[in-house]
Amino acid sequence: MSENQLKICMVGYTKYLHDGRLHRYSQSLIQSGHLVDVIGLGFKHDTRTAVIDGVRVFRIQNRDFSETGPLSYFKNLFTYFLKSIYFVTKMQLKMRYDVIHFHNIPDFGVFCTIPAKWMGAKIILDIHDLVPEFYMRKFNVLENHFIIRLLRVIEKISCTYTDRVITVTDLWKETLSKRSLNSDKCDVIMNVPIPDVFKPVPYVPHKKNDPFHLSYHGNLAEQTGVDLLLDAIALIQDIIPNITLQIIGEGRERIHLQEKMHDLRIDDVVTFKPVIPVTELPNQMSEIHVGVDPKRDGVYAGETLSVKSMEYLGMQIPLIVSKTKASEYYFDKDSVYFVEPENPNDLAHAIMDLYSHEKRRKQYYQNAERFNNRYNWQMMKERYLQMLNDLVHNKSKNVL
């Protein structure tokens, strides 16, 4: 082991191969000469341990999407929390990690590192999602509900406990700074894709009688608006000959969405595909004419910046995206085709417009590079590595 090599442990209630953010961090650390272990979830058929491109992966619990309500959801989270306390402590005794990087949800999961912190590990809390807002959206709970107030307390205590906090947008850093931490303690590292995986692809022209391919990939949940996309397809399937839509992903809404597809009689247009490792996604998208991110607006959804949008832009695939607070903050109207959130008619119009105007679609292909030049993983990677260096060498203040 070289003098400058760090030992990093990533912990999260997530699956390594299907979590682009976790994969991105881990591979960047491996490429920089550091040692990386990941403690997370697996499918039933997965081995408990594996070495994947230099990363040791420990799958300490399986997960499907069977949670039907708050109780079953938190039961699974708490079970993982108890297992992770034991496993992280055991691994810290053996490995003596320099840094343990915990990925929420939940925020309270970061406390699985308490024994490891006593043994000298620095702790990072990576807030992928603001838990109070996420819970409000997921379970349709109002802001003044006692659980939401409790989750905000947990968020503040968790941020105070950790040595550094990471979040994914400037909007969420602003929210966290108002209620849970000093902004000096928080770094923004966006969910931009690794360019070696999501490379620009040649422009895909469309000939009149050929299929016109659309794509959505990611979580199948209420806030992602895939049902709205199905409504839009139903409106135009008789207008655009040979239109196709592939949907890649899993989630609680999958069965409902498939039933909706049957009810709308668009079975011959729409294809549902299972979730696949993030590194395999580009192979499924290389012939796509238009990517779609039909996200709903409002609490939580409107302030999330979908990684799928940035992956389409990384490949320079023309993108239709809902005009939410987050997307409007980071994208410009010449790089993406904005549509009104929760409006299937506007979404259908946008698809028709890009189908009918090849020149316009090609312009979006060319302009995608603007976002990639402004926000890219090389920039985020350097920010992250500098943060680790400062943290390990005590150059970073633990500001409460």
Protein backbone atom coordinates (compact mmCIF):
# COMPACT_ATOMS: atom_id res chain seq x y z
CA MET A 1 0.00 0.00 0.00
CA SER A 2 1.46 3.37 -1.05
CA GLU A 3 1.77 6.23 1.42
CA ASN A 4 -0.85 8.30 -0.43
CA GLN A 5 -3.38 5.50 -0.88
CA LEU A 6 -6.61 6.01 1.04
CA LYS A 7 -8.91 3.27 2.27
CA ILE A 8 -12.51 4.26 1.59
CA CYS A 9 -15.71 2.45 2.52
CA MET A 10 -18.95 3.32 0.71
CA VAL A 11 -22.14 2.42 2.58
CA GLY A 12 -25.68 2.75 1.26
CA TYR A 13 -29.12 1.22 1.06
CA THR A 14 -28.60 0.68 -2.66
CA LYS A 15 -27.25 -1.74 -5.26
CA TYR A 16 -23.75 -0.96 -6.48
CA LEU A 17 -24.10 -1.91 -10.14
CA HIS A 18 -27.41 -0.08 -10.50
CA ASP A 19 -26.51 3.11 -8.67
CA GLY A 20 -24.69 5.44 -11.01
CA ARG A 21 -23.52 7.76 -8.25
CA LEU A 22 -22.05 5.00 -6.10
CA HIS A 23 -20.41 3.41 -9.14
CA ARG A 24 -19.01 6.77 -10.27
CA TYR A 25 -17.35 7.55 -6.96
CA SER A 26 -15.93 4.06 -6.53
CA GLN A 27 -14.43 3.78 -10.00
CA SER A 28 -12.92 7.26 -9.79
CA LEU A 29 -11.26 6.35 -6.50
CA ILE A 30 -9.93 3.05 -7.89
CA GLN A 31 -8.53 4.88 -10.92
CA SER A 32 -6.83 7.34 -8.58
CA GLY A 33 -5.06 4.49 -6.78
CA HIS A 34 -7.21 4.17 -3.67
CA LEU A 35 -8.77 1.10 -2.06
CA VAL A 36 -12.59 0.95 -2.11
CA ASP A 37 -15.08 -1.33 -0.37
CA VAL A 38 -18.85 -1.02 -0.87
CA ILE A 39 -21.43 -2.22 1.66
CA GLY A 40 -24.92 -2.28 0.21
CA LEU A 41 -27.83 -4.31 -1.15
CA GLY A 42 -28.23 -7.13 -3.62
CA PHE A 43 -30.77 -9.18 -5.53
CA LYS A 44 -31.70 -12.64 -4.27
CA HIS A 45 -29.57 -14.31 -6.96
CA ASP A 46 -26.45 -12.22 -6.20
CA THR A 47 -23.44 -13.58 -4.36
CA ARG A 48 -22.88 -12.06 -0.93
CA THR A 49 -19.46 -10.71 -1.95
CA ALA A 50 -17.87 -9.84 -5.26
CA VAL A 51 -14.94 -7.93 -6.73
CA ILE A 52 -16.11 -5.70 -9.57
CA ASP A 53 -13.50 -3.73 -11.50
CA GLY A 54 -11.30 -3.52 -8.44
CA VAL A 55 -14.09 -2.65 -5.99
CA ARG A 56 -14.97 -5.12 -3.24
CA VAL A 57 -18.76 -5.29 -2.90
CA PHE A 58 -20.49 -6.70 0.19
CA ARG A 59 -24.23 -7.31 -0.18
CA ILE A 60 -25.60 -7.56 3.35
CA GLN A 61 -29.32 -7.48 2.51
CA ASN A 62 -31.64 -8.11 -0.43
CA ARG A 63 -34.26 -5.62 -1.54
CA ASP A 64 -37.26 -5.66 -3.82
CA PHE A 65 -39.84 -2.90 -4.11
CA SER A 66 -42.52 -4.51 -1.95
CA GLU A 67 -42.88 -1.64 0.51
CA THR A 68 -46.58 -0.80 0.60
CA GLY A 69 -46.48 1.95 3.21
CA PRO A 70 -44.35 3.84 5.74
CA LEU A 71 -44.13 0.94 8.20
CA SER A 72 -42.84 -1.67 5.74
CA TYR A 73 -40.51 0.90 4.18
CA PHE A 74 -38.92 1.85 7.52
CA LYS A 75 -38.81 -1.76 8.65
CA ASN A 76 -36.53 -2.58 5.71
CA LEU A 77 -34.42 0.53 6.31
CA PHE A 78 -34.03 -0.21 10.01
CA THR A 79 -33.13 -3.84 9.37
CA TYR A 80 -30.38 -2.68 7.03
CA PHE A 81 -29.24 -0.13 9.63
CA LEU A 82 -28.79 -2.82 12.29
CA LYS A 83 -26.90 -5.09 9.89
CA SER A 84 -24.68 -2.23 8.73
CA ILE A 85 -23.68 -1.29 12.31
CA TYR A 86 -22.31 -4.78 12.78
CA PHE A 87 -20.71 -5.08 9.35
CA VAL A 88 -19.15 -1.61 9.22
CA THR A 89 -17.69 -2.06 12.69
CA LYS A 90 -16.30 -5.48 11.80
CA MET A 91 -14.72 -4.13 8.63
CA GLN A 92 -13.31 -1.06 10.39
CA LEU A 93 -11.55 -3.28 12.92
CA LYS A 94 -10.01 -5.21 10.02
CA MET A 95 -9.35 -2.47 7.44
CA ARG A 96 -8.99 0.76 9.45
CA TYR A 97 -10.69 2.88 6.78
CA ASP A 98 -9.59 6.49 6.44
CA VAL A 99 -13.04 7.60 5.31
CA ILE A 100 -16.52 6.08 5.42
CA HIS A 101 -18.80 7.67 2.85
CA PHE A 102 -22.46 7.05 3.69
CA HIS A 103 -25.10 7.53 0.99
CA ASN A 104 -28.60 8.38 2.16
CA ILE A 105 -31.58 7.45 2.23
CA PRO A 106 -32.00 7.24 5.25
CA ASP A 107 -30.09 10.00 7.01
CA PHE A 108 -30.03 8.12 10.32
CA GLY A 109 -28.15 5.29 8.61
CA VAL A 110 -24.97 7.34 8.95
CA PHE A 111 -24.92 6.43 12.65
CA CYS A 112 -23.89 2.91 11.70
CA THR A 113 -20.41 4.47 11.63
CA ILE A 114 -20.28 5.50 15.33
CA PRO A 115 -17.86 2.74 16.41
CA ALA A 116 -15.79 3.30 13.25
CA LYS A 117 -15.60 7.02 13.98
CA TRP A 118 -14.33 6.25 17.48
CA MET A 119 -11.62 4.22 15.78
CA GLY A 120 -10.52 7.20 13.71
CA ALA A 121 -12.49 7.09 10.45
CA LYS A 122 -13.68 10.38 8.98
CA ILE A 123 -17.38 10.35 8.08
CA ILE A 124 -19.10 11.80 5.01
CA LEU A 125 -22.88 12.00 4.67
CA ASP A 126 -23.91 12.10 1.01
CA ILE A 127 -27.46 13.46 0.75
CA HIS A 128 -28.73 12.17 -2.58
CA ASP A 129 -32.28 13.07 -1.55
CA LEU A 130 -33.74 15.40 1.05
CA VAL A 131 -35.49 12.85 3.25
CA PRO A 132 -38.31 15.04 4.65
CA GLU A 133 -39.35 16.12 1.14
CA PHE A 134 -38.88 12.60 -0.21
CA TYR A 135 -41.13 11.18 2.52
CA MET A 136 -43.77 13.88 1.95
CA ARG A 137 -43.93 12.97 -1.72
CA LYS A 138 -43.68 9.21 -1.36
CA PHE A 139 -46.40 8.86 1.26
CA ASN A 140 -48.45 12.02 0.57
CA VAL A 141 -47.77 13.52 4.01
CA LEU A 142 -48.13 17.24 4.78
CA GLU A 143 -45.21 19.40 5.89
CA ASN A 144 -46.52 19.87 9.43
CA HIS A 145 -46.89 16.12 10.06
CA PHE A 146 -44.96 15.02 13.15
CA ILE A 147 -42.94 12.51 11.08
CA ILE A 148 -41.72 15.31 8.80
CA ARG A 149 -40.71 17.39 11.81
CA LEU A 150 -38.90 14.35 13.21
CA LEU A 151 -37.11 13.71 9.91
CA ARG A 152 -35.84 17.29 9.88
CA VAL A 153 -34.47 16.85 13.38
CA ILE A 154 -32.76 13.62 12.29
CA GLU A 155 -31.35 15.41 9.24
CA LYS A 156 -29.85 18.17 11.41
CA ILE A 157 -28.37 15.74 13.96
CA SER A 158 -26.94 13.61 11.14
CA CYS A 159 -25.32 16.62 9.46
CA THR A 160 -23.88 17.77 12.80
CA TYR A 161 -22.41 14.33 13.52
CA THR A 162 -20.56 13.95 10.22
CA ASP A 163 -17.26 15.54 9.22
CA ARG A 164 -18.50 16.64 5.79
CA VAL A 165 -21.80 16.70 3.91
CA ILE A 166 -22.25 16.27 0.17
CA THR A 167 -25.40 17.01 -1.81
CA VAL A 168 -26.27 16.98 -5.49
CA THR A 169 -27.53 20.47 -6.38
CA ASP A 170 -27.02 24.06 -5.29
CA LEU A 171 -30.75 24.22 -4.59
CA TRP A 172 -30.50 21.47 -1.99
CA LYS A 173 -27.34 22.96 -0.48
CA GLU A 174 -29.30 26.16 0.04
CA THR A 175 -32.15 24.24 1.74
CA LEU A 176 -29.74 22.31 3.98
CA SER A 177 -27.88 25.49 4.89
CA LYS A 178 -31.11 27.10 6.08
CA ARG A 179 -32.18 24.29 8.37
CA SER A 180 -29.40 21.79 9.15
CA LEU A 181 -25.82 23.00 8.70
CA ASN A 182 -23.40 25.79 7.94
CA SER A 183 -22.89 26.05 4.17
CA ASP A 184 -19.10 25.82 4.67
CA LYS A 185 -19.53 22.20 5.72
CA CYS A 186 -21.40 21.20 2.55
CA ASP A 187 -20.03 20.43 -0.93
CA VAL A 188 -22.09 20.12 -4.11
CA ILE A 189 -21.06 17.17 -6.26
CA MET A 190 -23.56 16.74 -9.05
CA ASN A 191 -24.83 13.49 -10.53
CA VAL A 192 -23.11 14.10 -13.86
CA PRO A 193 -22.20 10.85 -15.64
CA ILE A 194 -18.74 9.42 -16.16
CA PRO A 195 -17.76 10.43 -19.72
CA ASP A 196 -16.01 7.09 -20.33
CA VAL A 197 -19.40 5.39 -19.95
CA PHE A 198 -21.84 7.94 -21.34
CA LYS A 199 -19.91 9.09 -24.38
CA PRO A 200 -21.34 11.21 -27.20
CA VAL A 201 -22.85 8.99 -29.88
CA PRO A 202 -23.19 9.77 -33.59
CA TYR A 203 -26.35 11.67 -34.43
CA VAL A 204 -29.20 9.29 -35.29
CA PRO A 205 -31.12 10.62 -38.31
CA HIS A 206 -34.67 9.52 -38.92
CA LYS A 207 -35.96 8.33 -42.26
CA LYS A 208 -39.65 8.67 -42.96
CA ASN A 209 -40.73 5.02 -42.78
CA ASP A 210 -38.24 3.89 -40.12
CA PRO A 211 -39.13 3.50 -36.42
CA PHE A 212 -38.91 6.66 -34.33
CA HIS A 213 -37.33 5.58 -31.03
CA LEU A 214 -38.02 7.21 -27.64
CA SER A 215 -36.47 6.18 -24.34
CA TYR A 216 -36.99 6.56 -20.61
CA HIS A 217 -34.77 4.91 -18.00
CA GLY A 218 -34.71 5.13 -14.25
CA ASN A 219 -36.95 4.68 -11.25
CA LEU A 220 -40.61 3.89 -11.86
CA ALA A 221 -42.28 5.99 -9.17
CA GLU A 222 -45.12 8.49 -9.06
CA GLN A 223 -42.88 11.55 -9.16
CA THR A 224 -41.02 10.44 -12.29
CA GLY A 225 -44.15 10.93 -14.41
CA VAL A 226 -43.84 7.85 -16.62
CA ASP A 227 -47.65 7.52 -16.59
CA LEU A 228 -47.82 10.96 -18.20
CA LEU A 229 -45.46 9.77 -20.92
CA LEU A 230 -47.77 6.81 -21.61
CA ASP A 231 -50.70 9.23 -21.93
CA ALA A 232 -48.70 11.28 -24.42
CA ILE A 233 -47.83 8.20 -26.48
CA ALA A 234 -51.50 7.23 -26.62
CA LEU A 235 -52.31 10.66 -28.08
CA ILE A 236 -49.84 10.35 -30.96
CA GLN A 237 -49.44 6.65 -31.70
CA ASP A 238 -51.76 6.93 -34.72
CA ILE A 239 -50.04 10.08 -35.95
CA ILE A 240 -46.40 9.00 -35.84
CA PRO A 241 -45.95 5.74 -37.77
CA ASN A 242 -43.63 3.18 -36.16
CA ILE A 243 -43.14 5.16 -32.95
CA THR A 244 -41.54 3.10 -30.16
CA LEU A 245 -40.85 3.76 -26.49
CA GLN A 246 -38.51 1.71 -24.33
CA ILE A 247 -38.82 2.00 -20.55
CA ILE A 248 -35.87 0.63 -18.58
CA GLY A 249 -36.31 0.41 -14.84
CA GLU A 250 -37.97 -1.00 -11.77
CA GLY A 251 -40.08 0.44 -9.00
CA ARG A 252 -43.32 0.33 -7.12
CA GLU A 253 -45.28 1.71 -10.09
CA ARG A 254 -44.16 -0.86 -12.65
CA ILE A 255 -47.24 -3.09 -12.44
CA HIS A 256 -49.57 -0.07 -12.47
CA LEU A 257 -47.76 1.35 -15.51
CA GLN A 258 -47.98 -1.94 -17.40
CA GLU A 259 -51.71 -2.11 -16.65
CA LYS A 260 -52.08 1.46 -17.90
CA MET A 261 -50.20 0.54 -21.07
CA HIS A 262 -52.72 -2.26 -21.72
CA ASP A 263 -55.68 0.02 -20.99
CA LEU A 264 -54.36 2.63 -23.43
CA ARG A 265 -53.79 -0.07 -26.06
CA ILE A 266 -50.21 0.91 -26.70
CA ASP A 267 -48.72 -2.55 -26.05
CA ASP A 268 -47.25 -2.70 -29.54
CA VAL A 269 -45.53 0.66 -29.05
CA VAL A 270 -44.14 0.45 -25.52
CA THR A 271 -41.58 -2.07 -24.24
CA PHE A 272 -40.73 -2.47 -20.56
CA LYS A 273 -37.20 -3.68 -19.89
CA PRO A 274 -35.68 -4.72 -16.54
CA VAL A 275 -33.16 -2.58 -14.73
CA ILE A 276 -29.60 -3.18 -15.92
CA PRO A 277 -26.13 -2.19 -14.67
CA VAL A 278 -25.38 1.45 -15.32
CA THR A 279 -22.44 0.54 -17.57
CA GLU A 280 -24.81 -1.29 -19.94
CA LEU A 281 -27.25 1.59 -20.39
CA PRO A 282 -25.42 3.28 -23.29
CA ASN A 283 -25.78 0.11 -25.38
CA GLN A 284 -29.54 0.38 -24.97
CA MET A 285 -29.61 4.05 -25.96
CA SER A 286 -27.20 4.38 -28.86
CA GLU A 287 -29.97 4.25 -31.49
CA ILE A 288 -32.45 6.46 -29.63
CA HIS A 289 -33.82 9.53 -31.41
CA VAL A 290 -35.16 11.31 -28.31
CA GLY A 291 -34.79 10.79 -24.55
CA VAL A 292 -37.65 11.82 -22.27
CA ASP A 293 -37.64 12.94 -18.62
CA PRO A 294 -41.35 13.57 -17.84
CA LYS A 295 -40.87 14.35 -14.14
CA ARG A 296 -43.72 15.82 -12.14
CA ASP A 297 -43.34 19.16 -10.35
CA GLY A 298 -43.98 20.12 -6.76
CA VAL A 299 -42.49 19.04 -3.45
CA TYR A 300 -39.33 16.93 -3.82
CA ALA A 301 -39.85 16.12 -7.53
CA GLY A 302 -39.47 19.70 -8.74
CA GLU A 303 -36.10 20.19 -7.05
CA THR A 304 -34.45 16.93 -8.11
CA LEU A 305 -32.16 16.95 -11.12
CA SER A 306 -32.54 13.58 -12.79
CA VAL A 307 -29.35 11.72 -13.54
CA LYS A 308 -31.12 10.27 -16.59
CA SER A 309 -31.33 13.77 -18.10
CA MET A 310 -27.59 14.26 -17.67
CA GLU A 311 -26.87 10.82 -19.10
CA TYR A 312 -28.86 11.64 -22.25
CA LEU A 313 -27.02 14.94 -22.53
CA GLY A 314 -23.70 13.17 -21.96
CA MET A 315 -24.47 11.04 -25.02
CA GLN A 316 -25.82 14.13 -26.81
CA ILE A 317 -29.20 12.47 -27.30
CA PRO A 318 -31.89 15.15 -27.86
CA LEU A 319 -33.82 15.49 -24.60
CA ILE A 320 -37.38 16.45 -23.69
CA VAL A 321 -37.56 17.44 -20.02
CA SER A 322 -40.21 18.87 -17.69
CA LYS A 323 -39.56 22.50 -16.85
CA THR A 324 -39.14 22.21 -13.10
CA LYS A 325 -37.22 24.45 -10.71
CA ALA A 326 -34.13 22.24 -10.88
CA SER A 327 -34.09 21.62 -14.63
CA GLU A 328 -34.60 25.31 -15.37
CA TYR A 329 -31.74 26.18 -13.00
CA TYR A 330 -29.20 23.92 -14.75
CA PHE A 331 -30.41 23.53 -18.35
CA ASP A 332 -31.06 26.16 -21.00
CA LYS A 333 -33.84 26.18 -23.60
CA ASP A 334 -31.40 25.68 -26.48
CA SER A 335 -29.90 22.51 -24.95
CA VAL A 336 -33.13 20.73 -23.95
CA TYR A 337 -36.74 20.85 -25.10
CA PHE A 338 -38.72 22.10 -22.10
CA VAL A 339 -42.34 21.01 -21.60
CA GLU A 340 -44.91 21.98 -19.02
CA PRO A 341 -44.83 19.49 -16.12
CA GLU A 342 -47.80 17.14 -15.74
CA ASN A 343 -49.18 18.05 -19.15
CA PRO A 344 -49.41 15.02 -21.51
CA ASN A 345 -50.68 17.23 -24.33
CA ASP A 346 -47.61 19.45 -24.19
CA LEU A 347 -45.39 16.37 -24.00
CA ALA A 348 -47.13 14.86 -27.03
CA HIS A 349 -46.66 18.14 -28.91
CA ALA A 350 -42.93 18.15 -28.12
CA ILE A 351 -42.51 14.59 -29.43
CA MET A 352 -44.41 15.50 -32.58
CA ASP A 353 -42.31 18.63 -33.03
CA LEU A 354 -38.98 16.78 -32.84
CA TYR A 355 -40.33 14.00 -35.06
CA SER A 356 -41.43 16.51 -37.70
CA HIS A 357 -38.38 18.80 -37.60
CA GLU A 358 -35.13 16.96 -38.12
CA LYS A 359 -33.14 20.19 -38.14
CA ARG A 360 -34.47 21.19 -34.72
CA ARG A 361 -33.68 17.79 -33.26
CA LYS A 362 -30.14 17.96 -34.62
CA GLN A 363 -29.73 21.39 -33.04
CA TYR A 364 -30.49 19.93 -29.62
CA TYR A 365 -27.95 17.19 -30.33
CA GLN A 366 -25.28 19.78 -31.01
CA ASN A 367 -26.21 22.04 -28.09
CA ALA A 368 -26.09 19.26 -25.49
CA GLU A 369 -22.37 19.88 -25.36
CA ARG A 370 -23.00 23.20 -23.59
CA PHE A 371 -24.16 21.48 -20.43
CA ASN A 372 -21.35 18.91 -20.59
CA ASN A 373 -18.75 21.67 -20.83
CA ARG A 374 -20.25 23.53 -17.88
CA TYR A 375 -20.84 20.55 -15.59
CA ASN A 376 -18.73 17.44 -16.00
CA TRP A 377 -17.41 14.60 -13.90
CA GLN A 378 -13.75 15.60 -14.20
CA MET A 379 -14.60 18.83 -12.38
CA MET A 380 -16.69 17.02 -9.76
CA LYS A 381 -14.09 14.29 -9.33
CA GLU A 382 -11.34 16.81 -8.60
CA ARG A 383 -13.58 18.54 -6.08
CA TYR A 384 -14.27 15.23 -4.34
CA LEU A 385 -10.64 14.10 -4.24
CA GLN A 386 -9.56 17.46 -2.84
CA MET A 387 -12.24 17.18 -0.17
CA LEU A 388 -10.97 13.72 0.82
CA ASN A 389 -7.40 14.96 0.99
CA ASP A 390 -8.37 17.91 3.18
CA LEU A 391 -10.51 15.71 5.40
CA VAL A 392 -7.91 13.02 5.99
CA HIS A 393 -5.12 15.50 6.57
CA ASN A 394 -7.22 17.63 8.92
CA LYS A 395 -7.34 20.66 6.66
CA SER A 396 -11.11 20.72 6.63
CA LYS A 397 -12.93 22.24 9.56
CA ASN A 398 -15.83 20.34 11.10
CA VAL A 399 -18.18 23.32 11.00
CA LEU A 400 -21.44 22.75 12.90
